[in-house]
mmCIF file of all heavy atoms, coordinates in Angstrom:
data_MODEL
# 
_entry.id   MODEL 
# 
loop_
_atom_site.group_PDB 
_atom_site.id 
_atom_site.type_symbol 
_atom_site.label_atom_id 
_atom_site.label_alt_id 
_atom_site.label_comp_id 
_atom_site.label_asym_id 
_atom_site.label_entity_id 
_atom_site.label_seq_id 
_atom_site.pdbx_PDB_ins_code 
_atom_site.Cartn_x 
_atom_site.Cartn_y 
_atom_site.Cartn_z 
_atom_site.occupancy 
_atom_site.B_iso_or_equiv 
_atom_site.pdbx_formal_charge 
_atom_site.auth_seq_id 
_atom_site.auth_comp_id 
_atom_site.auth_asym_id 
_atom_site.auth_atom_id 
_atom_site.pdbx_PDB_model_num 
ATOM 1   N N   . TRP A 1 1  ? 112.252 120.206 59.510 1.00 0.00 ? 1  TRP A N   1 
ATOM 2   C CA  . TRP A 1 1  ? 112.887 121.123 60.439 1.00 0.00 ? 1  TRP A CA  1 
ATOM 3   C C   . TRP A 1 1  ? 111.961 122.157 61.105 1.00 0.00 ? 1  TRP A C   1 
ATOM 4   O O   . TRP A 1 1  ? 112.166 122.656 62.139 1.00 0.00 ? 1  TRP A O   1 
ATOM 5   C CB  . TRP A 1 1  ? 114.027 121.875 59.727 1.00 0.00 ? 1  TRP A CB  1 
ATOM 6   C CG  . TRP A 1 1  ? 115.218 120.921 59.383 1.00 0.00 ? 1  TRP A CG  1 
ATOM 7   C CD1 . TRP A 1 1  ? 115.348 119.573 59.701 1.00 0.00 ? 1  TRP A CD1 1 
ATOM 8   C CD2 . TRP A 1 1  ? 116.401 121.351 58.699 1.00 0.00 ? 1  TRP A CD2 1 
ATOM 9   N NE1 . TRP A 1 1  ? 116.603 119.159 59.210 1.00 0.00 ? 1  TRP A NE1 1 
ATOM 10  C CE2 . TRP A 1 1  ? 117.248 120.221 58.650 1.00 0.00 ? 1  TRP A CE2 1 
ATOM 11  C CE3 . TRP A 1 1  ? 116.920 122.558 58.163 1.00 0.00 ? 1  TRP A CE3 1 
ATOM 12  C CZ2 . TRP A 1 1  ? 118.483 120.211 58.031 1.00 0.00 ? 1  TRP A CZ2 1 
ATOM 13  C CZ3 . TRP A 1 1  ? 118.107 122.561 57.598 1.00 0.00 ? 1  TRP A CZ3 1 
ATOM 14  C CH2 . TRP A 1 1  ? 118.933 121.392 57.495 1.00 0.00 ? 1  TRP A CH2 1 
ATOM 15  N N   . VAL A 1 2  ? 110.893 122.422 60.288 1.00 0.00 ? 2  VAL A N   1 
ATOM 16  C CA  . VAL A 1 2  ? 109.940 123.451 60.862 1.00 0.00 ? 2  VAL A CA  1 
ATOM 17  C C   . VAL A 1 2  ? 108.696 122.807 61.442 1.00 0.00 ? 2  VAL A C   1 
ATOM 18  O O   . VAL A 1 2  ? 107.716 123.527 61.731 1.00 0.00 ? 2  VAL A O   1 
ATOM 19  C CB  . VAL A 1 2  ? 109.546 124.452 59.656 1.00 0.00 ? 2  VAL A CB  1 
ATOM 20  C CG1 . VAL A 1 2  ? 110.648 125.312 59.260 1.00 0.00 ? 2  VAL A CG1 1 
ATOM 21  C CG2 . VAL A 1 2  ? 108.896 123.676 58.485 1.00 0.00 ? 2  VAL A CG2 1 
ATOM 22  N N   . ILE A 1 3  ? 108.745 121.494 61.609 1.00 0.00 ? 3  ILE A N   1 
ATOM 23  C CA  . ILE A 1 3  ? 107.539 120.751 62.139 1.00 0.00 ? 3  ILE A CA  1 
ATOM 24  C C   . ILE A 1 3  ? 107.101 121.248 63.484 1.00 0.00 ? 3  ILE A C   1 
ATOM 25  O O   . ILE A 1 3  ? 105.884 121.161 63.829 1.00 0.00 ? 3  ILE A O   1 
ATOM 26  C CB  . ILE A 1 3  ? 107.849 119.277 62.202 1.00 0.00 ? 3  ILE A CB  1 
ATOM 27  C CG1 . ILE A 1 3  ? 106.603 118.416 62.570 1.00 0.00 ? 3  ILE A CG1 1 
ATOM 28  C CG2 . ILE A 1 3  ? 108.995 118.925 63.200 1.00 0.00 ? 3  ILE A CG2 1 
ATOM 29  C CD1 . ILE A 1 3  ? 105.499 118.508 61.559 1.00 0.00 ? 3  ILE A CD1 1 
ATOM 30  N N   . ILE A 1 4  ? 108.009 121.842 64.349 1.00 0.00 ? 4  ILE A N   1 
ATOM 31  C CA  . ILE A 1 4  ? 107.645 122.278 65.638 1.00 0.00 ? 4  ILE A CA  1 
ATOM 32  C C   . ILE A 1 4  ? 106.583 123.282 65.637 1.00 0.00 ? 4  ILE A C   1 
ATOM 33  O O   . ILE A 1 4  ? 105.875 123.523 66.604 1.00 0.00 ? 4  ILE A O   1 
ATOM 34  C CB  . ILE A 1 4  ? 108.807 122.736 66.497 1.00 0.00 ? 4  ILE A CB  1 
ATOM 35  C CG1 . ILE A 1 4  ? 109.756 123.641 65.654 1.00 0.00 ? 4  ILE A CG1 1 
ATOM 36  C CG2 . ILE A 1 4  ? 109.588 121.540 66.994 1.00 0.00 ? 4  ILE A CG2 1 
ATOM 37  C CD1 . ILE A 1 4  ? 110.963 124.104 66.468 1.00 0.00 ? 4  ILE A CD1 1 
ATOM 38  N N   . ILE A 1 5  ? 106.436 124.109 64.524 1.00 0.00 ? 5  ILE A N   1 
ATOM 39  C CA  . ILE A 1 5  ? 105.369 125.094 64.511 1.00 0.00 ? 5  ILE A CA  1 
ATOM 40  C C   . ILE A 1 5  ? 103.994 124.492 64.477 1.00 0.00 ? 5  ILE A C   1 
ATOM 41  O O   . ILE A 1 5  ? 102.995 125.187 64.719 1.00 0.00 ? 5  ILE A O   1 
ATOM 42  C CB  . ILE A 1 5  ? 105.576 126.110 63.369 1.00 0.00 ? 5  ILE A CB  1 
ATOM 43  C CG1 . ILE A 1 5  ? 105.315 125.451 62.009 1.00 0.00 ? 5  ILE A CG1 1 
ATOM 44  C CG2 . ILE A 1 5  ? 106.909 126.760 63.436 1.00 0.00 ? 5  ILE A CG2 1 
ATOM 45  C CD1 . ILE A 1 5  ? 105.233 126.472 60.878 1.00 0.00 ? 5  ILE A CD1 1 
ATOM 46  N N   . SER A 1 6  ? 103.919 123.177 64.122 1.00 0.00 ? 6  SER A N   1 
ATOM 47  C CA  . SER A 1 6  ? 102.552 122.507 64.075 1.00 0.00 ? 6  SER A CA  1 
ATOM 48  C C   . SER A 1 6  ? 101.835 122.617 65.391 1.00 0.00 ? 6  SER A C   1 
ATOM 49  O O   . SER A 1 6  ? 100.605 122.712 65.382 1.00 0.00 ? 6  SER A O   1 
ATOM 50  C CB  . SER A 1 6  ? 102.760 121.048 63.637 1.00 0.00 ? 6  SER A CB  1 
ATOM 51  O OG  . SER A 1 6  ? 103.293 120.982 62.352 1.00 0.00 ? 6  SER A OG  1 
ATOM 52  N N   . ILE A 1 7  ? 102.572 122.523 66.468 1.00 0.00 ? 7  ILE A N   1 
ATOM 53  C CA  . ILE A 1 7  ? 101.951 122.499 67.794 1.00 0.00 ? 7  ILE A CA  1 
ATOM 54  C C   . ILE A 1 7  ? 101.337 123.865 68.159 1.00 0.00 ? 7  ILE A C   1 
ATOM 55  O O   . ILE A 1 7  ? 100.072 123.933 68.419 1.00 0.00 ? 7  ILE A O   1 
ATOM 56  C CB  . ILE A 1 7  ? 102.954 122.045 68.862 1.00 0.00 ? 7  ILE A CB  1 
ATOM 57  C CG1 . ILE A 1 7  ? 103.391 120.624 68.594 1.00 0.00 ? 7  ILE A CG1 1 
ATOM 58  C CG2 . ILE A 1 7  ? 102.300 122.140 70.260 1.00 0.00 ? 7  ILE A CG2 1 
ATOM 59  C CD1 . ILE A 1 7  ? 102.316 119.597 68.588 1.00 0.00 ? 7  ILE A CD1 1 
ATOM 60  N N   . PRO A 1 8  ? 102.094 124.956 68.135 1.00 0.00 ? 8  PRO A N   1 
ATOM 61  C CA  . PRO A 1 8  ? 101.431 126.318 68.460 1.00 0.00 ? 8  PRO A CA  1 
ATOM 62  C C   . PRO A 1 8  ? 100.468 126.612 67.348 1.00 0.00 ? 8  PRO A C   1 
ATOM 63  O O   . PRO A 1 8  ? 99.387  127.257 67.698 1.00 0.00 ? 8  PRO A O   1 
ATOM 64  C CB  . PRO A 1 8  ? 102.642 127.215 68.451 1.00 0.00 ? 8  PRO A CB  1 
ATOM 65  C CG  . PRO A 1 8  ? 103.671 126.600 67.769 1.00 0.00 ? 8  PRO A CG  1 
ATOM 66  C CD  . PRO A 1 8  ? 103.538 125.085 68.016 1.00 0.00 ? 8  PRO A CD  1 
ATOM 67  N N   . MET A 1 9  ? 100.687 126.238 66.091 1.00 0.00 ? 9  MET A N   1 
ATOM 68  C CA  . MET A 1 9  ? 99.737  126.616 65.027 1.00 0.00 ? 9  MET A CA  1 
ATOM 69  C C   . MET A 1 9  ? 98.438  125.884 65.177 1.00 0.00 ? 9  MET A C   1 
ATOM 70  O O   . MET A 1 9  ? 97.322  126.410 64.820 1.00 0.00 ? 9  MET A O   1 
ATOM 71  C CB  . MET A 1 9  ? 100.380 126.336 63.677 1.00 0.00 ? 9  MET A CB  1 
ATOM 72  C CG  . MET A 1 9  ? 101.514 127.290 63.354 1.00 0.00 ? 9  MET A CG  1 
ATOM 73  S SD  . MET A 1 9  ? 100.888 128.873 62.773 1.00 0.00 ? 9  MET A SD  1 
ATOM 74  C CE  . MET A 1 9  ? 100.818 128.658 60.986 1.00 0.00 ? 9  MET A CE  1 
ATOM 75  N N   . ALA A 1 10 ? 98.496  124.623 65.679 1.00 0.00 ? 10 ALA A N   1 
ATOM 76  C CA  . ALA A 1 10 ? 97.226  123.915 65.918 1.00 0.00 ? 10 ALA A CA  1 
ATOM 77  C C   . ALA A 1 10 ? 96.391  124.598 66.934 1.00 0.00 ? 10 ALA A C   1 
ATOM 78  O O   . ALA A 1 10 ? 95.116  124.692 66.753 1.00 0.00 ? 10 ALA A O   1 
ATOM 79  C CB  . ALA A 1 10 ? 97.587  122.429 66.346 1.00 0.00 ? 10 ALA A CB  1 
ATOM 80  N N   . ILE A 1 11 ? 96.968  125.108 67.993 1.00 0.00 ? 11 ILE A N   1 
ATOM 81  C CA  . ILE A 1 11 ? 96.230  125.810 69.049 1.00 0.00 ? 11 ILE A CA  1 
ATOM 82  C C   . ILE A 1 11 ? 95.659  127.075 68.455 1.00 0.00 ? 11 ILE A C   1 
ATOM 83  O O   . ILE A 1 11 ? 94.493  127.397 68.665 1.00 0.00 ? 11 ILE A O   1 
ATOM 84  C CB  . ILE A 1 11 ? 97.150  126.068 70.200 1.00 0.00 ? 11 ILE A CB  1 
ATOM 85  C CG1 . ILE A 1 11 ? 97.649  124.780 70.789 1.00 0.00 ? 11 ILE A CG1 1 
ATOM 86  C CG2 . ILE A 1 11 ? 96.408  126.866 71.289 1.00 0.00 ? 11 ILE A CG2 1 
ATOM 87  C CD1 . ILE A 1 11 ? 98.793  125.006 71.742 1.00 0.00 ? 11 ILE A CD1 1 
ATOM 88  N N   . VAL A 1 12 ? 96.509  127.848 67.820 1.00 0.00 ? 12 VAL A N   1 
ATOM 89  C CA  . VAL A 1 12 ? 96.077  129.181 67.202 1.00 0.00 ? 12 VAL A CA  1 
ATOM 90  C C   . VAL A 1 12 ? 94.953  128.924 66.170 1.00 0.00 ? 12 VAL A C   1 
ATOM 91  O O   . VAL A 1 12 ? 93.916  129.633 66.168 1.00 0.00 ? 12 VAL A O   1 
ATOM 92  C CB  . VAL A 1 12 ? 97.291  129.876 66.583 1.00 0.00 ? 12 VAL A CB  1 
ATOM 93  C CG1 . VAL A 1 12 ? 96.851  130.975 65.653 1.00 0.00 ? 12 VAL A CG1 1 
ATOM 94  C CG2 . VAL A 1 12 ? 98.255  130.346 67.666 1.00 0.00 ? 12 VAL A CG2 1 
ATOM 95  N N   . ALA A 1 13 ? 95.104  127.939 65.292 1.00 0.00 ? 13 ALA A N   1 
ATOM 96  C CA  . ALA A 1 13 ? 94.162  127.753 64.247 1.00 0.00 ? 13 ALA A CA  1 
ATOM 97  C C   . ALA A 1 13 ? 92.823  127.245 64.730 1.00 0.00 ? 13 ALA A C   1 
ATOM 98  O O   . ALA A 1 13 ? 91.746  127.708 64.270 1.00 0.00 ? 13 ALA A O   1 
ATOM 99  C CB  . ALA A 1 13 ? 94.723  126.714 63.219 1.00 0.00 ? 13 ALA A CB  1 
ATOM 100 N N   . PHE A 1 14 ? 92.850  126.378 65.720 1.00 0.00 ? 14 PHE A N   1 
ATOM 101 C CA  . PHE A 1 14 ? 91.593  125.862 66.338 1.00 0.00 ? 14 PHE A CA  1 
ATOM 102 C C   . PHE A 1 14 ? 90.840  126.939 67.107 1.00 0.00 ? 14 PHE A C   1 
ATOM 103 O O   . PHE A 1 14 ? 89.624  127.106 66.978 1.00 0.00 ? 14 PHE A O   1 
ATOM 104 C CB  . PHE A 1 14 ? 91.809  124.664 67.170 1.00 0.00 ? 14 PHE A CB  1 
ATOM 105 C CG  . PHE A 1 14 ? 90.541  123.974 67.638 1.00 0.00 ? 14 PHE A CG  1 
ATOM 106 C CD1 . PHE A 1 14 ? 89.702  123.382 66.585 1.00 0.00 ? 14 PHE A CD1 1 
ATOM 107 C CD2 . PHE A 1 14 ? 90.095  123.874 68.909 1.00 0.00 ? 14 PHE A CD2 1 
ATOM 108 C CE1 . PHE A 1 14 ? 88.540  122.743 66.914 1.00 0.00 ? 14 PHE A CE1 1 
ATOM 109 C CE2 . PHE A 1 14 ? 88.930  123.267 69.274 1.00 0.00 ? 14 PHE A CE2 1 
ATOM 110 C CZ  . PHE A 1 14 ? 88.156  122.641 68.240 1.00 0.00 ? 14 PHE A CZ  1 
ATOM 111 N N   . ASN A 1 15 ? 91.523  127.771 67.807 1.00 0.00 ? 15 ASN A N   1 
ATOM 112 C CA  . ASN A 1 15 ? 90.906  128.900 68.533 1.00 0.00 ? 15 ASN A CA  1 
ATOM 113 C C   . ASN A 1 15 ? 90.321  129.848 67.520 1.00 0.00 ? 15 ASN A C   1 
ATOM 114 O O   . ASN A 1 15 ? 89.225  130.424 67.741 1.00 0.00 ? 15 ASN A O   1 
ATOM 115 C CB  . ASN A 1 15 ? 91.967  129.649 69.377 1.00 0.00 ? 15 ASN A CB  1 
ATOM 116 C CG  . ASN A 1 15 ? 92.163  128.993 70.721 1.00 0.00 ? 15 ASN A CG  1 
ATOM 117 O OD1 . ASN A 1 15 ? 91.199  128.501 71.305 1.00 0.00 ? 15 ASN A OD1 1 
ATOM 118 N ND2 . ASN A 1 15 ? 93.359  128.959 71.212 1.00 0.00 ? 15 ASN A ND2 1 
ATOM 119 N N   . HIS A 1 16 ? 90.976  130.120 66.374 1.00 0.00 ? 16 HIS A N   1 
ATOM 120 C CA  . HIS A 1 16 ? 90.419  130.976 65.345 1.00 0.00 ? 16 HIS A CA  1 
ATOM 121 C C   . HIS A 1 16 ? 89.159  130.370 64.747 1.00 0.00 ? 16 HIS A C   1 
ATOM 122 O O   . HIS A 1 16 ? 88.179  131.025 64.483 1.00 0.00 ? 16 HIS A O   1 
ATOM 123 C CB  . HIS A 1 16 ? 91.466  131.223 64.252 1.00 0.00 ? 16 HIS A CB  1 
ATOM 124 C CG  . HIS A 1 16 ? 90.962  131.981 63.052 1.00 0.00 ? 16 HIS A CG  1 
ATOM 125 N ND1 . HIS A 1 16 ? 90.758  133.329 63.098 1.00 0.00 ? 16 HIS A ND1 1 
ATOM 126 C CD2 . HIS A 1 16 ? 90.630  131.556 61.811 1.00 0.00 ? 16 HIS A CD2 1 
ATOM 127 C CE1 . HIS A 1 16 ? 90.287  133.665 61.905 1.00 0.00 ? 16 HIS A CE1 1 
ATOM 128 N NE2 . HIS A 1 16 ? 90.177  132.620 61.083 1.00 0.00 ? 16 HIS A NE2 1 
ATOM 129 N N   . LEU A 1 17 ? 89.245  129.090 64.509 1.00 0.00 ? 17 LEU A N   1 
ATOM 130 C CA  . LEU A 1 17 ? 88.121  128.280 63.933 1.00 0.00 ? 17 LEU A CA  1 
ATOM 131 C C   . LEU A 1 17 ? 86.887  128.454 64.805 1.00 0.00 ? 17 LEU A C   1 
ATOM 132 O O   . LEU A 1 17 ? 85.770  128.666 64.368 1.00 0.00 ? 17 LEU A O   1 
ATOM 133 C CB  . LEU A 1 17 ? 88.549  126.867 63.766 1.00 0.00 ? 17 LEU A CB  1 
ATOM 134 C CG  . LEU A 1 17 ? 87.510  125.797 63.373 1.00 0.00 ? 17 LEU A CG  1 
ATOM 135 C CD1 . LEU A 1 17 ? 88.315  124.676 62.619 1.00 0.00 ? 17 LEU A CD1 1 
ATOM 136 C CD2 . LEU A 1 17 ? 86.758  125.182 64.489 1.00 0.00 ? 17 LEU A CD2 1 
ATOM 137 N N   . LEU A 1 18 ? 87.019  128.407 66.165 1.00 0.00 ? 18 LEU A N   1 
ATOM 138 C CA  . LEU A 1 18 ? 85.978  128.467 67.071 1.00 0.00 ? 18 LEU A CA  1 
ATOM 139 C C   . LEU A 1 18 ? 85.235  129.801 67.029 1.00 0.00 ? 18 LEU A C   1 
ATOM 140 O O   . LEU A 1 18 ? 84.039  129.910 67.264 1.00 0.00 ? 18 LEU A O   1 
ATOM 141 C CB  . LEU A 1 18 ? 86.482  128.221 68.524 1.00 0.00 ? 18 LEU A CB  1 
ATOM 142 C CG  . LEU A 1 18 ? 86.930  126.729 68.757 1.00 0.00 ? 18 LEU A CG  1 
ATOM 143 C CD1 . LEU A 1 18 ? 87.511  126.687 70.197 1.00 0.00 ? 18 LEU A CD1 1 
ATOM 144 C CD2 . LEU A 1 18 ? 85.827  125.755 68.594 1.00 0.00 ? 18 LEU A CD2 1 
ATOM 145 N N   . GLU A 1 19 ? 85.969  130.874 66.744 1.00 0.00 ? 19 GLU A N   1 
ATOM 146 C CA  . GLU A 1 19 ? 85.416  132.230 66.788 1.00 0.00 ? 19 GLU A CA  1 
ATOM 147 C C   . GLU A 1 19 ? 85.083  132.785 65.440 1.00 0.00 ? 19 GLU A C   1 
ATOM 148 O O   . GLU A 1 19 ? 84.527  133.862 65.350 1.00 0.00 ? 19 GLU A O   1 
ATOM 149 C CB  . GLU A 1 19 ? 86.423  133.178 67.469 1.00 0.00 ? 19 GLU A CB  1 
ATOM 150 C CG  . GLU A 1 19 ? 86.792  132.795 68.906 1.00 0.00 ? 19 GLU A CG  1 
ATOM 151 C CD  . GLU A 1 19 ? 85.526  132.890 69.777 1.00 0.00 ? 19 GLU A CD  1 
ATOM 152 O OE1 . GLU A 1 19 ? 84.582  133.577 69.481 1.00 0.00 ? 19 GLU A OE1 1 
ATOM 153 O OE2 . GLU A 1 19 ? 85.567  132.151 70.816 1.00 0.00 ? 19 GLU A OE2 1 
ATOM 154 N N   . ASN A 1 20 ? 85.370  132.070 64.362 1.00 0.00 ? 20 ASN A N   1 
ATOM 155 C CA  . ASN A 1 20 ? 85.087  132.599 62.996 1.00 0.00 ? 20 ASN A CA  1 
ATOM 156 C C   . ASN A 1 20 ? 84.299  131.549 62.231 1.00 0.00 ? 20 ASN A C   1 
ATOM 157 O O   . ASN A 1 20 ? 84.900  130.520 61.745 1.00 0.00 ? 20 ASN A O   1 
ATOM 158 C CB  . ASN A 1 20 ? 86.471  132.918 62.361 1.00 0.00 ? 20 ASN A CB  1 
ATOM 159 C CG  . ASN A 1 20 ? 86.304  133.659 61.051 1.00 0.00 ? 20 ASN A CG  1 
ATOM 160 O OD1 . ASN A 1 20 ? 85.667  133.138 60.062 1.00 0.00 ? 20 ASN A OD1 1 
ATOM 161 N ND2 . ASN A 1 20 ? 86.782  134.911 61.001 1.00 0.00 ? 20 ASN A ND2 1 
ATOM 162 N N   . ALA A 1 21 ? 83.058  131.822 62.028 1.00 0.00 ? 21 ALA A N   1 
ATOM 163 C CA  . ALA A 1 21 ? 82.137  130.863 61.359 1.00 0.00 ? 21 ALA A CA  1 
ATOM 164 C C   . ALA A 1 21 ? 82.533  130.572 59.924 1.00 0.00 ? 21 ALA A C   1 
ATOM 165 O O   . ALA A 1 21 ? 82.439  129.429 59.497 1.00 0.00 ? 21 ALA A O   1 
ATOM 166 C CB  . ALA A 1 21 ? 80.736  131.384 61.416 1.00 0.00 ? 21 ALA A CB  1 
ATOM 167 N N   . LYS A 1 22 ? 82.955  131.635 59.193 1.00 0.00 ? 22 LYS A N   1 
ATOM 168 C CA  . LYS A 1 22 ? 83.335  131.456 57.792 1.00 0.00 ? 22 LYS A CA  1 
ATOM 169 C C   . LYS A 1 22 ? 84.546  130.483 57.671 1.00 0.00 ? 22 LYS A C   1 
ATOM 170 O O   . LYS A 1 22 ? 84.555  129.578 56.927 1.00 0.00 ? 22 LYS A O   1 
ATOM 171 C CB  . LYS A 1 22 ? 83.641  132.807 57.167 1.00 0.00 ? 22 LYS A CB  1 
ATOM 172 C CG  . LYS A 1 22 ? 83.882  132.732 55.671 1.00 0.00 ? 22 LYS A CG  1 
ATOM 173 C CD  . LYS A 1 22 ? 84.074  134.126 55.038 1.00 0.00 ? 22 LYS A CD  1 
ATOM 174 C CE  . LYS A 1 22 ? 84.418  134.027 53.569 1.00 0.00 ? 22 LYS A CE  1 
ATOM 175 N NZ  . LYS A 1 22 ? 84.623  135.379 52.977 1.00 0.00 ? 22 LYS A NZ  1 
ATOM 176 N N   . SER A 1 23 ? 85.556  130.785 58.473 1.00 0.00 ? 23 SER A N   1 
ATOM 177 C CA  . SER A 1 23 ? 86.747  129.960 58.469 1.00 0.00 ? 23 SER A CA  1 
ATOM 178 C C   . SER A 1 23 ? 86.440  128.528 58.931 1.00 0.00 ? 23 SER A C   1 
ATOM 179 O O   . SER A 1 23 ? 86.938  127.588 58.312 1.00 0.00 ? 23 SER A O   1 
ATOM 180 C CB  . SER A 1 23 ? 87.843  130.495 59.363 1.00 0.00 ? 23 SER A CB  1 
ATOM 181 O OG  . SER A 1 23 ? 88.374  131.737 58.829 1.00 0.00 ? 23 SER A OG  1 
ATOM 182 N N   . ARG A 1 24 ? 85.544  128.424 59.893 1.00 0.00 ? 24 ARG A N   1 
ATOM 183 C CA  . ARG A 1 24 ? 85.148  127.114 60.407 1.00 0.00 ? 24 ARG A CA  1 
ATOM 184 C C   . ARG A 1 24 ? 84.457  126.257 59.323 1.00 0.00 ? 24 ARG A C   1 
ATOM 185 O O   . ARG A 1 24 ? 84.777  125.107 59.149 1.00 0.00 ? 24 ARG A O   1 
ATOM 186 C CB  . ARG A 1 24 ? 84.247  127.299 61.644 1.00 0.00 ? 24 ARG A CB  1 
ATOM 187 C CG  . ARG A 1 24 ? 83.878  125.999 62.273 1.00 0.00 ? 24 ARG A CG  1 
ATOM 188 C CD  . ARG A 1 24 ? 83.203  126.217 63.610 1.00 0.00 ? 24 ARG A CD  1 
ATOM 189 N NE  . ARG A 1 24 ? 81.976  127.020 63.523 1.00 0.00 ? 24 ARG A NE  1 
ATOM 190 C CZ  . ARG A 1 24 ? 81.729  128.181 64.062 1.00 0.00 ? 24 ARG A CZ  1 
ATOM 191 N NH1 . ARG A 1 24 ? 82.740  128.801 64.706 1.00 0.00 ? 24 ARG A NH1 1 
ATOM 192 N NH2 . ARG A 1 24 ? 80.605  128.800 63.980 1.00 0.00 ? 24 ARG A NH2 1 
ATOM 193 N N   . LYS A 1 25 ? 83.613  126.910 58.531 1.00 0.00 ? 25 LYS A N   1 
ATOM 194 C CA  . LYS A 1 25 ? 82.907  126.238 57.497 1.00 0.00 ? 25 LYS A CA  1 
ATOM 195 C C   . LYS A 1 25 ? 83.862  125.693 56.434 1.00 0.00 ? 25 LYS A C   1 
ATOM 196 O O   . LYS A 1 25 ? 83.867  124.506 56.028 1.00 0.00 ? 25 LYS A O   1 
ATOM 197 C CB  . LYS A 1 25 ? 81.917  127.166 56.812 1.00 0.00 ? 25 LYS A CB  1 
ATOM 198 C CG  . LYS A 1 25 ? 81.124  126.554 55.664 1.00 0.00 ? 25 LYS A CG  1 
ATOM 199 C CD  . LYS A 1 25 ? 80.166  127.543 55.045 1.00 0.00 ? 25 LYS A CD  1 
ATOM 200 C CE  . LYS A 1 25 ? 80.950  128.677 54.327 1.00 0.00 ? 25 LYS A CE  1 
ATOM 201 N NZ  . LYS A 1 25 ? 79.991  129.595 53.607 1.00 0.00 ? 25 LYS A NZ  1 
ATOM 202 N N   . TRP A 1 26 ? 84.843  126.554 56.030 1.00 0.00 ? 26 TRP A N   1 
ATOM 203 C CA  . TRP A 1 26 ? 85.741  126.191 54.960 1.00 0.00 ? 26 TRP A CA  1 
ATOM 204 C C   . TRP A 1 26 ? 86.811  125.154 55.494 1.00 0.00 ? 26 TRP A C   1 
ATOM 205 O O   . TRP A 1 26 ? 87.199  124.216 54.767 1.00 0.00 ? 26 TRP A O   1 
ATOM 206 C CB  . TRP A 1 26 ? 86.477  127.391 54.412 1.00 0.00 ? 26 TRP A CB  1 
ATOM 207 C CG  . TRP A 1 26 ? 85.613  128.025 53.378 1.00 0.00 ? 26 TRP A CG  1 
ATOM 208 C CD1 . TRP A 1 26 ? 84.916  129.211 53.510 1.00 0.00 ? 26 TRP A CD1 1 
ATOM 209 C CD2 . TRP A 1 26 ? 85.294  127.546 52.063 1.00 0.00 ? 26 TRP A CD2 1 
ATOM 210 N NE1 . TRP A 1 26 ? 84.185  129.543 52.369 1.00 0.00 ? 26 TRP A NE1 1 
ATOM 211 C CE2 . TRP A 1 26 ? 84.406  128.504 51.474 1.00 0.00 ? 26 TRP A CE2 1 
ATOM 212 C CE3 . TRP A 1 26 ? 85.653  126.455 51.288 1.00 0.00 ? 26 TRP A CE3 1 
ATOM 213 C CZ2 . TRP A 1 26 ? 83.928  128.362 50.176 1.00 0.00 ? 26 TRP A CZ2 1 
ATOM 214 C CZ3 . TRP A 1 26 ? 85.139  126.286 49.990 1.00 0.00 ? 26 TRP A CZ3 1 
ATOM 215 C CH2 . TRP A 1 26 ? 84.281  127.257 49.485 1.00 0.00 ? 26 TRP A CH2 1 
ATOM 216 N N   . MET A 1 27 ? 87.263  125.349 56.726 1.00 0.00 ? 27 MET A N   1 
ATOM 217 C CA  . MET A 1 27 ? 88.201  124.387 57.253 1.00 0.00 ? 27 MET A CA  1 
ATOM 218 C C   . MET A 1 27 ? 87.570  123.016 57.435 1.00 0.00 ? 27 MET A C   1 
ATOM 219 O O   . MET A 1 27 ? 88.257  121.969 57.217 1.00 0.00 ? 27 MET A O   1 
ATOM 220 C CB  . MET A 1 27 ? 88.760  124.879 58.638 1.00 0.00 ? 27 MET A CB  1 
ATOM 221 C CG  . MET A 1 27 ? 89.677  126.081 58.472 1.00 0.00 ? 27 MET A CG  1 
ATOM 222 S SD  . MET A 1 27 ? 90.155  126.814 60.032 1.00 0.00 ? 27 MET A SD  1 
ATOM 223 C CE  . MET A 1 27 ? 91.493  125.693 60.508 1.00 0.00 ? 27 MET A CE  1 
ATOM 224 N N   . TYR A 1 28 ? 86.281  122.964 57.726 1.00 0.00 ? 28 TYR A N   1 
ATOM 225 C CA  . TYR A 1 28 ? 85.589  121.714 57.832 1.00 0.00 ? 28 TYR A CA  1 
ATOM 226 C C   . TYR A 1 28 ? 85.466  121.009 56.511 1.00 0.00 ? 28 TYR A C   1 
ATOM 227 O O   . TYR A 1 28 ? 85.775  119.813 56.375 1.00 0.00 ? 28 TYR A O   1 
ATOM 228 C CB  . TYR A 1 28 ? 84.195  121.938 58.449 1.00 0.00 ? 28 TYR A CB  1 
ATOM 229 C CG  . TYR A 1 28 ? 83.384  120.669 58.639 1.00 0.00 ? 28 TYR A CG  1 
ATOM 230 C CD1 . TYR A 1 28 ? 83.627  119.829 59.711 1.00 0.00 ? 28 TYR A CD1 1 
ATOM 231 C CD2 . TYR A 1 28 ? 82.342  120.372 57.728 1.00 0.00 ? 28 TYR A CD2 1 
ATOM 232 C CE1 . TYR A 1 28 ? 82.867  118.639 59.813 1.00 0.00 ? 28 TYR A CE1 1 
ATOM 233 C CE2 . TYR A 1 28 ? 81.634  119.154 57.823 1.00 0.00 ? 28 TYR A CE2 1 
ATOM 234 C CZ  . TYR A 1 28 ? 81.855  118.364 58.919 1.00 0.00 ? 28 TYR A CZ  1 
ATOM 235 O OH  . TYR A 1 28 ? 81.156  117.157 59.098 1.00 0.00 ? 28 TYR A OH  1 
# 
């Protein structure tokens, strides 16, 4: 039922990843 948040969250999370080296490293 909450799957629809995956779309906006994917955009938000990837933009954050691009600007934050520490998060990018751990997410990778």
